[in-house]
Amino acid sequence: MKFLSDYANPHNAPQRSLAKTIFEYVMIVFGIFPMALMVNWVLLPHAFVGGGLTGVCSIIYYVTQGCFPTLFAEYGGAIPVWLTTFVFNLILLVIAIMTVGWRFCIRTIVGVAAITFWYRVIPILDQPLIDDPWLGALIGGVVFGISLGIVMAANGSSGGTDILAMIVSHYRDVSLGKVMLLCDIAIICSAFFLPVPESMLQAGEDIFVTKIKRVLCGVCMTISYTAAVDWVISRTRQSVHFFIYSRQYEQIATAINQQVNRGVTILDGTGWYSKQPVKVISVMARKAEAPMILHLVKSIDPNAFVSQANVSGVFGSGFDQIKGK
């Protein structure tokens, strides 16, 4: 089958690429803000332990309460989360740069710098923003997940187990999801062995029950943030694929190329009933661009035959970056 492919639209490509890159970095920096807000206003005041590096840093924060009254007086003498986050991520980044290369870590470096900054400037509340622990775990997890989803949609990362998973998958045939899941389970379950703060103790409640509740709140938060991440990613990265059959294919292809800034592929086809040759336009686009493409087709050839299908992922020039496992 003969075809002419032009998915990477050359129209203003350098300018669009630079603008998109700048926008994505802004998304990473400010998208992390709600995540840090939930940690300092919900997770830490409730003494929850979530997954990932945030969970590890939270455990250190709880265990070291009162150990450094002079050095970290504003944090109750505990090693602050922002400091442990920075140190652990710095170590992981050095290892990642040595193994997978610095080019794969630039956005992660920006994300690590952003989350360290927000953790530092946002104060930790003495009383949680949401008093009920279950509601706090649910809402905190959803906001955390939406925030992380925005960062991931911009091809960014907040560091932590993302870096660890990247390193492990570079040497072993293990998916990133499995590595992160195992890390999260181990971190959340370790909360059972931590001392229970007075804020979590309820009159007449057994200490064992309180510890179980603490672990379950961490699980609830992790499940809710995972679902929120999937929801955001599915909305921001959803794409569509068009097949357009028309005798005015040249005008339609030019209009899509210039007005929608999407490349097209012209396929050679044959109508089996009529045995007549036909040109078929193949277009990949974001879902938000679909109405504009349909309007252009209708305005040029109202009799065109068009099929539209949702696709779960499009990778390459003009779309998402191709990632490993």
Protein backbone atom coordinates (compact mmCIF):
# COMPACT_ATOMS: atom_id res chain seq x y z
CA MET A 1 0.00 0.00 0.00
CA LYS A 2 1.40 3.39 -1.00
CA PHE A 3 1.20 6.28 1.41
CA LEU A 4 2.62 9.74 2.00
CA SER A 5 3.25 10.41 5.69
CA ASP A 6 3.61 13.80 7.37
CA TYR A 7 2.58 13.32 11.01
CA ALA A 8 5.30 15.69 12.19
CA ASN A 9 3.81 18.91 10.88
CA PRO A 10 6.61 21.31 9.85
CA HIS A 11 4.35 24.37 10.14
CA ASN A 12 5.94 26.61 12.81
CA ALA A 13 7.43 23.51 14.47
CA PRO A 14 10.38 25.14 16.33
CA GLN A 15 8.20 27.90 17.85
CA ARG A 16 5.47 25.49 18.89
CA SER A 17 7.97 23.06 20.36
CA LEU A 18 9.63 25.77 22.50
CA ALA A 19 6.29 27.16 23.69
CA LYS A 20 5.06 23.67 24.59
CA THR A 21 8.26 22.89 26.48
CA ILE A 22 8.04 26.09 28.53
CA PHE A 23 4.37 25.43 29.28
CA GLU A 24 5.16 21.90 30.46
CA TYR A 25 7.86 23.13 32.84
CA VAL A 26 5.42 25.67 34.28
CA MET A 27 2.89 22.84 34.70
CA ILE A 28 5.46 20.77 36.57
CA VAL A 29 6.44 23.55 38.97
CA PHE A 30 2.93 24.74 39.84
CA GLY A 31 1.24 21.36 39.42
CA ILE A 32 3.25 20.07 42.38
CA PHE A 33 1.91 22.82 44.68
CA PRO A 34 -1.43 21.11 45.60
CA MET A 35 0.50 17.91 46.30
CA ALA A 36 2.76 19.64 48.81
CA LEU A 37 -0.28 21.41 50.28
CA MET A 38 -2.02 18.10 51.03
CA VAL A 39 1.12 16.67 52.62
CA ASN A 40 1.68 19.61 54.97
CA TRP A 41 -1.99 20.31 55.71
CA VAL A 42 -3.53 16.81 55.80
CA LEU A 43 -1.03 13.93 55.74
CA LEU A 44 1.48 15.15 58.36
CA PRO A 45 -1.06 16.63 60.82
CA HIS A 46 -3.02 13.33 60.73
CA ALA A 47 0.23 11.32 61.01
CA PHE A 48 -0.64 9.32 57.89
CA VAL A 49 1.93 7.32 55.95
CA GLY A 50 1.38 7.24 52.21
CA GLY A 51 3.34 5.51 49.52
CA GLY A 52 6.51 6.52 47.75
CA LEU A 53 9.32 8.69 49.01
CA THR A 54 6.80 10.99 50.70
CA GLY A 55 5.84 8.08 52.94
CA VAL A 56 9.48 7.38 53.83
CA CYS A 57 10.14 11.04 54.62
CA SER A 58 6.95 11.18 56.70
CA ILE A 59 8.10 8.17 58.75
CA ILE A 60 11.43 9.89 59.46
CA TYR A 61 9.52 13.04 60.45
CA TYR A 62 7.35 11.11 62.94
CA VAL A 63 10.18 9.04 64.43
CA THR A 64 12.52 12.01 64.98
CA GLN A 65 9.97 14.22 66.76
CA GLY A 66 11.78 16.05 69.57
CA CYS A 67 15.23 14.66 68.67
CA PHE A 68 16.62 17.96 67.34
CA PRO A 69 14.90 20.71 69.42
CA THR A 70 17.48 23.37 68.54
CA LEU A 71 18.28 22.55 64.93
CA PHE A 72 14.67 22.03 63.77
CA ALA A 73 12.68 23.94 66.39
CA GLU A 74 9.97 25.06 63.95
CA TYR A 75 9.24 21.40 63.13
CA GLY A 76 8.96 20.22 66.71
CA GLY A 77 12.55 19.03 66.72
CA ALA A 78 11.91 16.57 63.87
CA ILE A 79 13.83 16.26 60.62
CA PRO A 80 11.62 18.12 58.13
CA VAL A 81 10.12 16.40 55.11
CA TRP A 82 11.56 18.94 52.70
CA LEU A 83 15.11 18.14 53.81
CA THR A 84 14.82 14.36 53.60
CA THR A 85 12.99 14.67 50.28
CA PHE A 86 15.85 16.73 48.88
CA VAL A 87 18.62 14.46 50.22
CA PHE A 88 17.05 11.17 49.08
CA ASN A 89 16.13 12.54 45.67
CA LEU A 90 19.63 13.97 45.23
CA ILE A 91 21.15 10.55 45.89
CA LEU A 92 18.70 8.82 43.55
CA LEU A 93 19.24 11.43 40.84
CA VAL A 94 23.00 10.99 40.93
CA ILE A 95 22.56 7.23 40.51
CA ALA A 96 19.97 7.74 37.75
CA ILE A 97 22.19 10.16 35.83
CA MET A 98 25.05 7.65 36.01
CA THR A 99 22.86 4.79 34.77
CA VAL A 100 20.27 6.19 32.33
CA GLY A 101 21.85 9.56 31.45
CA TRP A 102 21.16 13.14 32.45
CA ARG A 103 18.87 13.90 29.50
CA PHE A 104 16.24 11.52 30.89
CA CYS A 105 16.38 13.28 34.28
CA ILE A 106 16.07 17.00 33.45
CA ARG A 107 12.32 17.23 34.10
CA THR A 108 12.70 15.09 37.21
CA ILE A 109 15.35 17.51 38.51
CA VAL A 110 12.90 20.38 37.99
CA GLY A 111 10.16 18.40 39.76
CA VAL A 112 12.43 17.58 42.71
CA ALA A 113 13.46 21.23 43.06
CA ALA A 114 9.82 22.32 42.93
CA ILE A 115 8.52 19.84 45.51
CA THR A 116 11.41 20.62 47.88
CA PHE A 117 10.65 24.34 47.58
CA TRP A 118 6.90 23.94 48.19
CA TYR A 119 7.47 21.62 51.18
CA ARG A 120 9.76 24.28 52.64
CA VAL A 121 7.55 27.34 52.18
CA ILE A 122 4.15 25.77 53.05
CA PRO A 123 3.74 25.60 56.85
CA ILE A 124 2.75 22.35 58.55
CA LEU A 125 -0.57 22.79 60.34
CA ASP A 126 -0.90 21.81 63.99
CA GLN A 127 -4.46 20.66 63.29
CA PRO A 128 -5.33 18.94 60.00
CA LEU A 129 -7.31 20.88 57.43
CA ILE A 130 -9.88 18.03 57.42
CA ASP A 131 -10.61 16.69 60.92
CA ASP A 132 -12.08 13.31 59.96
CA PRO A 133 -9.17 10.95 59.16
CA TRP A 134 -11.08 8.89 56.57
CA LEU A 135 -12.37 11.97 54.76
CA GLY A 136 -8.90 13.48 54.98
CA ALA A 137 -7.35 10.37 53.45
CA LEU A 138 -9.90 10.36 50.62
CA ILE A 139 -9.83 14.07 49.74
CA GLY A 140 -6.10 14.35 50.34
CA GLY A 141 -5.47 11.38 48.06
CA VAL A 142 -7.68 12.76 45.29
CA VAL A 143 -6.05 16.20 45.35
CA PHE A 144 -2.60 14.59 45.56
CA GLY A 145 -3.44 12.38 42.59
CA ILE A 146 -4.81 15.21 40.46
CA SER A 147 -1.67 17.20 41.20
CA LEU A 148 0.59 14.27 40.28
CA GLY A 149 -1.50 13.59 37.17
CA ILE A 150 -0.97 17.18 35.99
CA VAL A 151 2.77 16.80 36.49
CA MET A 152 2.83 13.45 34.66
CA ALA A 153 0.72 14.87 31.82
CA ALA A 154 3.51 17.42 31.35
CA ASN A 155 5.97 14.49 31.12
CA GLY A 156 7.36 15.41 34.53
CA SER A 157 7.97 13.67 37.83
CA SER A 158 8.18 14.58 41.50
CA GLY A 159 11.06 12.16 41.99
CA GLY A 160 11.15 9.51 44.71
CA THR A 161 10.12 6.00 43.68
CA ASP A 162 9.76 7.22 40.08
CA ILE A 163 13.55 7.53 39.96
CA LEU A 164 14.03 4.20 41.73
CA ALA A 165 11.68 2.48 39.29
CA MET A 166 13.55 4.05 36.36
CA ILE A 167 16.86 2.69 37.66
CA VAL A 168 15.53 -0.81 38.43
CA SER A 169 13.80 -1.16 35.06
CA HIS A 170 17.04 -0.18 33.34
CA TYR A 171 18.70 -3.36 34.63
CA ARG A 172 15.80 -5.76 35.20
CA ASP A 173 12.79 -6.80 33.12
CA VAL A 174 10.32 -5.43 35.68
CA SER A 175 7.58 -2.92 34.91
CA LEU A 176 7.64 0.51 36.56
CA GLY A 177 4.16 -0.08 37.95
CA LYS A 178 5.19 -3.26 39.76
CA VAL A 179 8.26 -1.62 41.29
CA MET A 180 6.26 1.37 42.53
CA LEU A 181 3.44 -0.84 43.85
CA LEU A 182 5.83 -3.00 45.87
CA CYS A 183 7.53 0.09 47.29
CA ASP A 184 4.19 1.65 48.28
CA ILE A 185 2.94 -1.52 50.01
CA ALA A 186 6.15 -1.87 52.05
CA ILE A 187 6.14 1.79 53.10
CA ILE A 188 2.46 1.94 54.07
CA CYS A 189 2.57 -1.30 56.07
CA SER A 190 5.59 -0.08 58.02
CA ALA A 191 3.32 2.55 59.60
CA PHE A 192 1.91 -0.22 61.81
CA PHE A 193 5.19 -0.37 63.76
CA LEU A 194 5.42 3.38 64.41
CA PRO A 195 4.39 4.98 67.70
CA VAL A 196 0.82 6.29 67.58
CA PRO A 197 0.58 10.07 68.12
CA GLU A 198 -1.86 11.40 70.71
CA SER A 199 -3.91 13.10 67.98
CA MET A 200 -4.92 9.67 66.59
CA LEU A 201 -5.82 8.09 69.94
CA GLN A 202 -9.52 7.93 70.73
CA ALA A 203 -11.04 7.23 74.12
CA GLY A 204 -11.58 3.50 74.69
CA GLU A 205 -10.00 2.47 71.39
CA ASP A 206 -7.41 -0.30 71.45
CA ILE A 207 -3.91 0.67 70.30
CA PHE A 208 -3.88 -2.26 67.85
CA VAL A 209 -7.09 -1.00 66.23
CA THR A 210 -5.63 2.50 65.96
CA LYS A 211 -2.55 1.19 64.19
CA ILE A 212 -4.67 -0.83 61.77
CA LYS A 213 -6.76 2.25 61.09
CA ARG A 214 -3.61 4.21 60.38
CA VAL A 215 -2.48 1.66 57.80
CA LEU A 216 -5.93 1.51 56.20
CA CYS A 217 -6.06 5.30 55.93
CA GLY A 218 -2.74 5.14 54.09
CA VAL A 219 -4.15 2.47 51.77
CA CYS A 220 -7.29 4.56 51.18
CA MET A 221 -5.20 7.60 50.35
CA THR A 222 -2.99 5.60 47.97
CA ILE A 223 -5.96 4.05 46.14
CA SER A 224 -7.70 7.42 45.78
CA TYR A 225 -4.60 9.18 44.46
CA THR A 226 -3.89 6.33 42.02
CA ALA A 227 -7.45 6.57 40.65
CA ALA A 228 -7.14 10.36 40.39
CA VAL A 229 -3.84 10.09 38.49
CA ASP A 230 -5.40 7.66 35.99
CA TRP A 231 -8.40 9.96 35.55
CA VAL A 232 -6.25 13.01 34.81
CA ILE A 233 -3.94 11.16 32.44
CA SER A 234 -6.86 9.63 30.52
CA ARG A 235 -8.40 13.08 30.06
CA THR A 236 -5.28 15.02 29.12
CA ARG A 237 -3.74 12.45 26.78
CA GLN A 238 -6.82 11.11 25.02
CA SER A 239 -6.41 11.23 21.25
CA VAL A 240 -8.51 10.40 18.21
CA HIS A 241 -7.77 8.83 14.84
CA PHE A 242 -9.58 9.95 11.69
CA PHE A 243 -10.00 8.18 8.36
CA ILE A 244 -11.37 10.67 5.82
CA TYR A 245 -12.48 9.57 2.34
CA SER A 246 -12.95 12.48 -0.08
CA ARG A 247 -12.20 13.57 -3.65
CA GLN A 248 -11.15 16.93 -2.19
CA TYR A 249 -8.45 15.24 -0.14
CA GLU A 250 -5.77 17.79 -1.08
CA GLN A 251 -7.79 20.76 0.21
CA ILE A 252 -8.79 18.89 3.35
CA ALA A 253 -5.23 17.75 4.08
CA THR A 254 -3.86 21.27 3.55
CA ALA A 255 -6.53 22.78 5.80
CA ILE A 256 -5.83 20.30 8.62
CA ASN A 257 -2.09 20.82 8.22
CA GLN A 258 -2.24 24.61 8.33
CA GLN A 259 -5.24 25.39 10.55
CA VAL A 260 -5.10 22.54 13.08
CA ASN A 261 -1.32 22.16 12.96
CA ARG A 262 -1.57 18.39 12.58
CA GLY A 263 0.22 16.24 10.05
CA VAL A 264 -1.65 13.86 7.76
CA THR A 265 -0.96 10.64 5.88
CA ILE A 266 -2.47 10.11 2.42
CA LEU A 267 -3.24 6.45 1.73
CA ASP A 268 -4.02 4.87 -1.64
CA GLY A 269 -7.18 2.76 -1.50
CA THR A 270 -9.58 1.01 -3.88
CA GLY A 271 -13.35 0.79 -3.54
CA TRP A 272 -14.12 -2.93 -3.78
CA TYR A 273 -17.62 -2.45 -5.21
CA SER A 274 -16.80 0.33 -7.68
CA LYS A 275 -13.21 -0.81 -8.30
CA GLN A 276 -12.32 2.89 -8.36
CA PRO A 277 -9.17 4.31 -6.73
CA VAL A 278 -9.70 6.54 -3.70
CA LYS A 279 -7.47 8.67 -1.51
CA VAL A 280 -7.79 8.20 2.26
CA ILE A 281 -6.62 10.82 4.76
CA SER A 282 -5.30 9.44 8.06
CA VAL A 283 -5.03 11.96 10.91
CA MET A 284 -3.99 11.65 14.55
CA ALA A 285 -5.15 14.50 16.79
CA ARG A 286 -6.05 15.42 20.34
CA LYS A 287 -9.69 14.89 21.25
CA ALA A 288 -10.14 18.64 21.76
CA GLU A 289 -9.12 19.18 18.12
CA ALA A 290 -11.74 16.78 16.73
CA PRO A 291 -14.57 19.35 16.34
CA MET A 292 -12.30 21.66 14.36
CA ILE A 293 -11.25 18.85 12.01
CA LEU A 294 -14.87 17.78 11.44
CA HIS A 295 -15.86 21.40 10.74
CA LEU A 296 -13.07 21.77 8.17
CA VAL A 297 -14.04 18.54 6.41
CA LYS A 298 -17.70 19.53 6.25
CA SER A 299 -16.93 23.02 4.95
CA ILE A 300 -14.76 21.63 2.12
CA ASP A 301 -16.65 18.44 1.24
CA PRO A 302 -20.06 17.89 2.87
CA ASN A 303 -20.25 14.47 1.19
CA ALA A 304 -16.96 13.20 2.66
CA PHE A 305 -17.03 9.87 4.48
CA VAL A 306 -15.38 10.16 7.91
CA SER A 307 -14.65 7.65 10.66
CA GLN A 308 -13.43 8.70 14.09
CA ALA A 309 -11.99 6.39 16.76
CA ASN A 310 -10.62 7.03 20.25
CA VAL A 311 -7.09 5.78 20.88
CA SER A 312 -5.59 5.15 24.30
CA GLY A 313 -2.17 6.53 23.50
CA VAL A 314 -0.25 8.22 20.69
CA PHE A 315 3.51 8.53 20.99
CA GLY A 316 5.95 10.41 18.80
CA SER A 317 6.39 13.86 17.32
CA GLY A 318 3.60 16.23 18.30
CA PHE A 319 2.21 13.86 20.94
CA ASP A 320 3.57 12.10 24.02
CA GLN A 321 7.13 10.94 24.45
CA ILE A 322 7.86 7.26 23.99
CA LYS A 323 8.73 5.84 27.41
CA GLY A 324 10.16 2.56 28.59
CA LYS A 325 8.42 0.06 30.86
